[in-house]
C-alpha cells in the first residue's frame, strides 16, 4: 500500500488581497487559524485560492509562507493547474524545489484530451518530481471526467497516490476504489456530501467550508472516519444551508465574503471574479452567525 499524503481535512485555502496585491499578513492569519483548528493539510493556489489569476511567483510565495507558518506540522500541497503539460511539469518542479509536500494536479482543461492523453499528462509530471501527486477531477469546471479505468492506469505510477474527486458520482467512486485497489486514496471535493463519500471508502475531504468553520468540518470528518455516521450526518445537516450559500455564486466568491464578515480578510477578488451579489448576503450572514455559534458553543 502506498503512503497517504494526508488523512482527514485539507483546506483549499483562500488567497486574500489588499490594494491589488496578495495580503501576506491576512494569509498568515488564515493559515494560523487552520493550524490551530487541527486540519491535516492546506492546499495553496487552487480554485478557492484564485490560482488561475495568481502569478507563479505569487503562488510560490504563498506556499513558502504557508510552510513557514505551519512549521512542518501540516502538509502543504501546491496546486498545479495547466492544460499545457510542459508548463505543468515546470511548475511542479519549482514547487517541489521550494518545499511542497505534495502536488494537487488538475486535469488538463479545454483541450479535452482522450484517456491516453490524461495518462501521459500525469505520468510526465510524476516522472519529473519525487513528491506525492493527487489527481484533481472536477468535470463541471474542466469539461473532462476521469474514468475509473483511467484511475487504474494512473495508480500504477508510484508517486500518484490519491484523487480529489468532485464529480459527485458515488457509483463511479465505488468502482474507482475497487479498480485501483490499495494504490490510490480518494478525497472528496464536495462539502455537501463528504460524510457519505467517506462511508463509501474515502479518506477525507479537500474543503472550502473549512475556511469558515474548520473545527466543525474536522469534527464531521473525524466522526465519519470512525464510522459514527449518524452523528456526522446530524452536524452535516446543520451546516448544509451554509454550504449551499457558499456555492450560491461561483467559488470562491461567497467564501471570500464570509471570511470578510469574520474579519479575516478583505472582500476583494481578482477579475473576472466580482464580489458576492447583495441578494445572497443577508442569507449568508444569517447562516454564518448560526454556524459560528455552533462551532464556538459545541466544540
Protein backbone atom coordinates (compact mmCIF):
# COMPACT_ATOMS: atom_id res chain seq x y z
CA UNK A 1 0.00 0.00 0.00
CA UNK A 2 1.19 3.50 -0.81
CA UNK A 3 1.72 6.03 1.95
CA UNK A 4 -1.05 8.59 2.39
CA UNK A 5 -0.18 12.24 1.85
CA UNK A 6 -2.78 13.12 4.50
CA UNK A 7 -5.94 11.77 6.10
CA UNK A 8 -8.89 13.89 7.19
CA UNK A 9 -9.38 17.55 6.28
CA UNK A 10 -7.34 19.56 3.81
CA UNK A 11 -8.42 23.17 3.48
CA UNK A 12 -8.40 24.67 0.00
CA UNK A 13 -7.31 28.00 1.37
CA UNK A 14 -8.44 31.40 0.14
CA UNK A 15 -5.92 33.95 -1.15
CA UNK A 16 -6.53 37.36 0.47
CA UNK A 17 -5.81 40.55 -1.46
CA UNK A 18 -5.17 44.17 -0.49
CA UNK A 19 -4.54 47.06 -2.87
CA UNK A 20 -4.34 44.62 -5.77
CA UNK A 21 -1.61 42.52 -4.19
CA UNK A 22 -1.55 39.34 -2.13
CA UNK A 23 -2.12 40.24 1.53
CA UNK A 24 0.56 38.18 3.27
CA UNK A 25 -0.41 39.34 6.78
CA UNK A 26 -4.00 38.20 6.28
CA UNK A 27 -2.81 34.95 4.65
CA UNK A 28 -0.65 34.17 7.68
CA UNK A 29 -3.68 34.75 9.89
CA UNK A 30 -5.78 32.38 7.79
CA UNK A 31 -3.10 29.67 7.90
CA UNK A 32 -2.64 30.04 11.66
CA UNK A 33 -6.39 29.62 12.14
CA UNK A 34 -6.36 26.40 10.14
CA UNK A 35 -3.35 25.08 12.03
CA UNK A 36 -4.96 25.79 15.40
CA UNK A 37 -8.16 24.03 14.28
CA UNK A 38 -6.23 20.83 13.61
CA UNK A 39 -6.69 20.32 9.87
CA UNK A 40 -4.30 17.83 8.29
CA UNK A 41 -3.23 19.77 5.20
CA UNK A 42 -3.55 23.06 3.36
CA UNK A 43 -3.90 23.39 -0.42
CA UNK A 44 -2.35 26.59 -1.76
CA UNK A 45 -3.21 28.36 -5.01
CA UNK A 46 -6.10 26.14 -6.06
CA UNK A 47 -9.53 27.12 -7.33
CA UNK A 48 -10.56 28.52 -3.95
CA UNK A 49 -7.24 30.37 -3.80
CA UNK A 50 -7.89 32.02 -7.18
CA UNK A 51 -4.85 30.24 -8.56
CA UNK A 52 -5.78 30.99 -12.16
CA UNK A 53 -5.21 34.71 -11.54
CA UNK A 54 -2.04 34.35 -9.47
CA UNK A 55 1.39 34.65 -11.00
CA UNK A 56 3.81 31.78 -10.49
CA UNK A 57 5.86 33.95 -8.14
CA UNK A 58 2.76 34.74 -6.05
CA UNK A 59 1.80 31.07 -5.78
CA UNK A 60 5.31 30.08 -4.72
CA UNK A 61 5.38 32.94 -2.21
CA UNK A 62 2.09 31.76 -0.69
CA UNK A 63 3.39 28.22 -0.44
CA UNK A 64 6.64 29.25 1.27
CA UNK A 65 4.74 31.46 3.73
CA UNK A 66 2.36 28.61 4.46
CA UNK A 67 5.28 26.24 5.05
CA UNK A 68 6.86 28.72 7.46
CA UNK A 69 3.66 29.23 9.45
CA UNK A 70 2.74 25.54 9.80
CA UNK A 71 6.33 24.63 10.79
CA UNK A 72 6.13 21.19 9.15
CA UNK A 73 3.21 20.24 11.42
CA UNK A 74 0.80 20.14 8.46
CA UNK A 75 1.17 19.08 4.85
CA UNK A 76 1.34 21.94 2.36
CA UNK A 77 0.02 20.94 -1.05
CA UNK A 78 0.71 23.07 -4.11
CA UNK A 79 -1.92 23.32 -6.85
CA UNK A 80 -0.68 22.68 -10.39
CA UNK A 81 -3.18 23.95 -12.93
CA UNK A 82 -2.29 23.99 -16.61
CA UNK A 83 -3.57 22.49 -19.84
CA UNK A 84 0.00 22.60 -21.17
CA UNK A 85 1.88 19.55 -19.91
CA UNK A 86 5.31 21.14 -20.29
CA UNK A 87 4.25 24.15 -18.25
CA UNK A 88 2.68 21.89 -15.62
CA UNK A 89 5.95 19.95 -15.35
CA UNK A 90 7.94 23.16 -14.94
CA UNK A 91 5.57 24.48 -12.26
CA UNK A 92 5.64 21.15 -10.41
CA UNK A 93 9.45 21.11 -10.36
CA UNK A 94 9.62 24.66 -8.99
CA UNK A 95 7.08 23.87 -6.27
CA UNK A 96 8.94 20.76 -5.17
CA UNK A 97 12.27 22.61 -5.14
CA UNK A 98 10.66 25.25 -2.89
CA UNK A 99 9.40 22.67 -0.41
CA UNK A 100 5.92 21.46 -1.43
CA UNK A 101 4.92 18.31 0.45
CA UNK A 102 2.69 17.23 -2.41
CA UNK A 103 1.00 18.41 -5.58
CA UNK A 104 -2.69 18.70 -6.44
CA UNK A 105 -2.72 18.38 -10.23
CA UNK A 106 -5.81 19.42 -12.16
CA UNK A 107 -6.86 17.51 -15.26
CA UNK A 108 -5.98 19.43 -18.43
CA UNK A 109 -8.93 21.68 -19.28
CA UNK A 110 -10.29 22.98 -22.58
CA UNK A 111 -8.08 20.66 -24.65
CA UNK A 112 -10.37 17.79 -23.55
CA UNK A 113 -7.78 15.14 -24.30
CA UNK A 114 -8.51 11.43 -24.58
CA UNK A 115 -7.77 8.97 -21.76
CA UNK A 116 -4.31 8.21 -23.10
CA UNK A 117 -3.59 11.96 -23.08
CA UNK A 118 -4.66 12.22 -19.45
CA UNK A 119 -2.41 9.33 -18.52
CA UNK A 120 0.54 10.80 -20.42
CA UNK A 121 -0.01 14.20 -18.77
CA UNK A 122 0.02 12.85 -15.23
CA UNK A 123 2.85 10.41 -15.91
CA UNK A 124 5.01 13.24 -17.30
CA UNK A 125 4.56 15.23 -14.08
CA UNK A 126 5.07 12.17 -11.89
CA UNK A 127 8.30 11.31 -13.71
CA UNK A 128 9.60 14.85 -13.20
CA UNK A 129 9.20 15.06 -9.40
CA UNK A 130 9.63 12.81 -6.37
CA UNK A 131 6.68 14.08 -4.30
CA UNK A 132 3.17 12.61 -3.93
CA UNK A 133 0.64 13.64 -6.57
CA UNK A 134 -3.11 13.99 -6.07
CA UNK A 135 -5.17 13.89 -9.27
CA UNK A 136 -7.91 16.54 -9.22
CA UNK A 137 -11.05 15.59 -11.14
CA UNK A 138 -13.64 18.38 -11.36
CA UNK A 139 -15.54 17.91 -14.64
CA UNK A 140 -18.03 20.76 -14.15
CA UNK A 141 -15.10 23.18 -14.43
CA UNK A 142 -12.79 21.40 -16.87
CA UNK A 143 -15.09 19.55 -19.24
CA UNK A 144 -13.06 16.39 -18.60
CA UNK A 145 -14.07 13.45 -16.41
CA UNK A 146 -11.55 10.80 -15.37
CA UNK A 147 -12.93 7.27 -15.67
CA UNK A 148 -12.34 4.51 -13.14
CA UNK A 149 -10.39 2.65 -15.82
CA UNK A 150 -8.05 5.64 -16.17
CA UNK A 151 -7.62 5.78 -12.39
CA UNK A 152 -6.50 2.15 -12.52
CA UNK A 153 -3.80 3.08 -15.05
CA UNK A 154 -2.72 6.14 -13.07
CA UNK A 155 -2.45 4.09 -9.88
CA UNK A 156 0.43 2.14 -11.41
CA UNK A 157 2.73 5.16 -11.02
CA UNK A 158 4.31 5.01 -7.55
CA UNK A 159 4.01 8.70 -6.67
CA UNK A 160 0.47 9.17 -7.99
CA UNK A 161 -1.08 8.40 -4.62
CA UNK A 162 -4.54 9.95 -4.46
CA UNK A 163 -7.52 11.57 -6.14
CA UNK A 164 -9.58 14.62 -5.22
CA UNK A 165 -12.89 13.52 -6.72
CA UNK A 166 -15.51 16.19 -7.35
CA UNK A 167 -17.81 14.65 -9.94
CA UNK A 168 -20.42 13.57 -7.36
CA UNK A 169 -20.91 10.10 -8.86
CA UNK A 170 -20.87 7.61 -5.99
CA UNK A 171 -21.27 4.62 -8.28
CA UNK A 172 -18.09 5.62 -10.10
CA UNK A 173 -16.37 6.23 -6.76
CA UNK A 174 -17.00 2.66 -5.63
CA UNK A 175 -15.81 1.32 -8.99
CA UNK A 176 -12.73 3.55 -8.87
CA UNK A 177 -11.74 2.37 -5.39
CA UNK A 178 -12.21 -1.24 -6.46
CA UNK A 179 -10.26 -0.76 -9.70
CA UNK A 180 -7.28 0.94 -8.06
CA UNK A 181 -7.15 -1.42 -5.09
CA UNK A 182 -4.88 -0.07 -2.37
CA UNK A 183 -2.88 2.08 -4.79
CA UNK A 184 -4.98 5.25 -4.61
CA UNK A 185 -6.61 7.16 -1.76
CA UNK A 186 -9.77 9.12 -2.56
CA UNK A 187 -10.67 12.50 -1.07
CA UNK A 188 -14.00 14.24 -1.54
CA UNK A 189 -14.07 17.54 -3.36
CA UNK A 190 -17.67 18.25 -2.34
CA UNK A 191 -18.50 19.71 1.07
CA UNK A 192 -22.19 18.79 0.83
CA UNK A 193 -21.64 15.02 0.60
CA UNK A 194 -18.26 14.24 2.11
CA UNK A 195 -19.52 12.10 5.04
CA UNK A 196 -21.26 9.85 2.50
CA UNK A 197 -18.09 9.86 0.40
CA UNK A 198 -16.09 8.64 3.40
CA UNK A 199 -18.72 5.98 4.09
CA UNK A 200 -18.14 4.70 0.55
CA UNK A 201 -14.40 4.36 1.16
CA UNK A 202 -12.97 7.88 1.00
CA UNK A 203 -10.15 9.04 3.27
CA UNK A 204 -11.11 12.67 3.82
CA UNK A 205 -12.11 15.92 2.18
CA UNK A 206 -10.49 18.87 0.44
CA UNK A 207 -12.82 21.52 1.78
CA UNK A 208 -13.97 25.04 1.01
CA UNK A 209 -16.24 25.14 4.08
CA UNK A 210 -13.27 24.62 6.39
CA UNK A 211 -12.05 28.12 5.52
CA UNK A 212 -15.04 29.33 7.53
CA UNK A 213 -15.55 26.69 10.22
CA UNK A 214 -12.53 24.35 10.28
CA UNK A 215 -13.37 22.83 13.68
CA UNK A 216 -16.82 21.73 12.55
CA UNK A 217 -15.50 20.24 9.31
CA UNK A 218 -12.84 18.39 11.27
CA UNK A 219 -15.45 17.11 13.73
CA UNK A 220 -17.69 15.83 10.91
CA UNK A 221 -14.72 14.23 9.20
CA UNK A 222 -13.41 12.59 12.38
CA UNK A 223 -16.84 11.16 13.19
CA UNK A 224 -17.17 9.83 9.66
CA UNK A 225 -13.70 8.28 9.68
CA UNK A 226 -14.64 6.47 12.91
CA UNK A 227 -17.91 5.18 11.48
CA UNK A 228 -20.13 7.45 13.58
CA UNK A 229 -22.23 8.44 10.60
CA UNK A 230 -25.41 9.29 12.49
CA UNK A 231 -23.62 11.97 14.50
CA UNK A 232 -21.66 13.12 11.46
CA UNK A 233 -24.83 13.50 9.41
CA UNK A 234 -26.50 15.43 12.23
CA UNK A 235 -23.73 18.03 12.09
CA UNK A 236 -23.74 17.96 8.30
CA UNK A 237 -27.43 18.78 8.15
CA UNK A 238 -26.87 21.79 10.41
CA UNK A 239 -24.21 23.29 8.14
CA UNK A 240 -25.79 22.30 4.81
CA UNK A 241 -27.60 25.66 4.33
CA UNK A 242 -24.27 27.45 4.73
CA UNK A 243 -22.61 25.07 2.28
CA UNK A 244 -25.32 25.81 -0.28
CA UNK A 245 -24.80 29.55 0.18
CA UNK A 246 -21.03 29.19 -0.16
CA UNK A 247 -21.77 27.94 -3.68
CA UNK A 248 -24.60 30.37 -4.47
CA UNK A 249 -22.15 32.01 -6.85
CA UNK A 250 -19.01 30.50 -8.27
CA UNK A 251 -16.37 29.57 -5.68
CA UNK A 252 -14.56 31.47 -4.12
CA UNK A 253 -16.86 34.50 -4.36
CA UNK A 254 -19.11 33.59 -1.39
CA UNK A 255 -16.38 32.20 0.87
CA UNK A 256 -14.29 35.34 0.38
CA UNK A 257 -17.30 37.38 1.53
CA UNK A 258 -17.80 35.07 4.53
CA UNK A 259 -14.19 35.49 5.64
CA UNK A 260 -14.56 39.24 5.25
CA UNK A 261 -17.59 39.14 7.56
CA UNK A 262 -15.49 37.22 10.08
CA UNK A 263 -12.86 39.98 9.95
CA UNK A 264 -10.19 37.72 8.47
CA UNK A 265 -9.55 39.36 5.09
CA UNK A 266 -10.83 41.96 2.64
CA UNK A 267 -13.74 41.13 0.33
CA UNK A 268 -11.55 41.55 -2.73
CA UNK A 269 -11.24 39.23 -5.73
CA UNK A 270 -9.34 39.42 -8.98
CA UNK A 271 -11.26 39.91 -12.19
CA UNK A 272 -13.10 38.30 -13.82
CA UNK A 273 -14.47 37.35 -10.37
CA UNK A 274 -16.56 40.04 -8.68
CA UNK A 275 -17.92 40.42 -5.12
CA UNK A 276 -20.96 38.46 -3.96
CA UNK A 277 -24.31 39.77 -5.20
CA UNK A 278 -26.21 41.63 -2.48
CA UNK A 279 -29.23 39.32 -2.84
CA UNK A 280 -27.25 36.49 -1.21
CA UNK A 281 -25.58 38.45 1.58
CA UNK A 282 -28.32 38.57 4.25
CA UNK A 283 -28.97 34.84 3.95
CA UNK A 284 -25.27 34.08 4.17
CA UNK A 285 -24.88 36.41 7.16
CA UNK A 286 -27.65 34.55 9.00
CA UNK A 287 -26.22 31.07 8.36
CA UNK A 288 -22.71 32.27 9.13
CA UNK A 289 -23.82 33.53 12.54
CA UNK A 290 -25.56 30.24 13.25
CA UNK A 291 -22.63 28.02 12.25
CA UNK A 292 -20.04 30.15 14.03
CA UNK A 293 -22.19 29.93 17.15
CA UNK A 294 -22.36 26.17 16.69
CA UNK A 295 -18.60 25.95 16.32
CA UNK A 296 -17.95 28.09 19.37
CA UNK A 297 -20.62 26.51 21.54
CA UNK A 298 -20.19 22.83 20.82
CA UNK A 299 -16.51 22.49 20.09
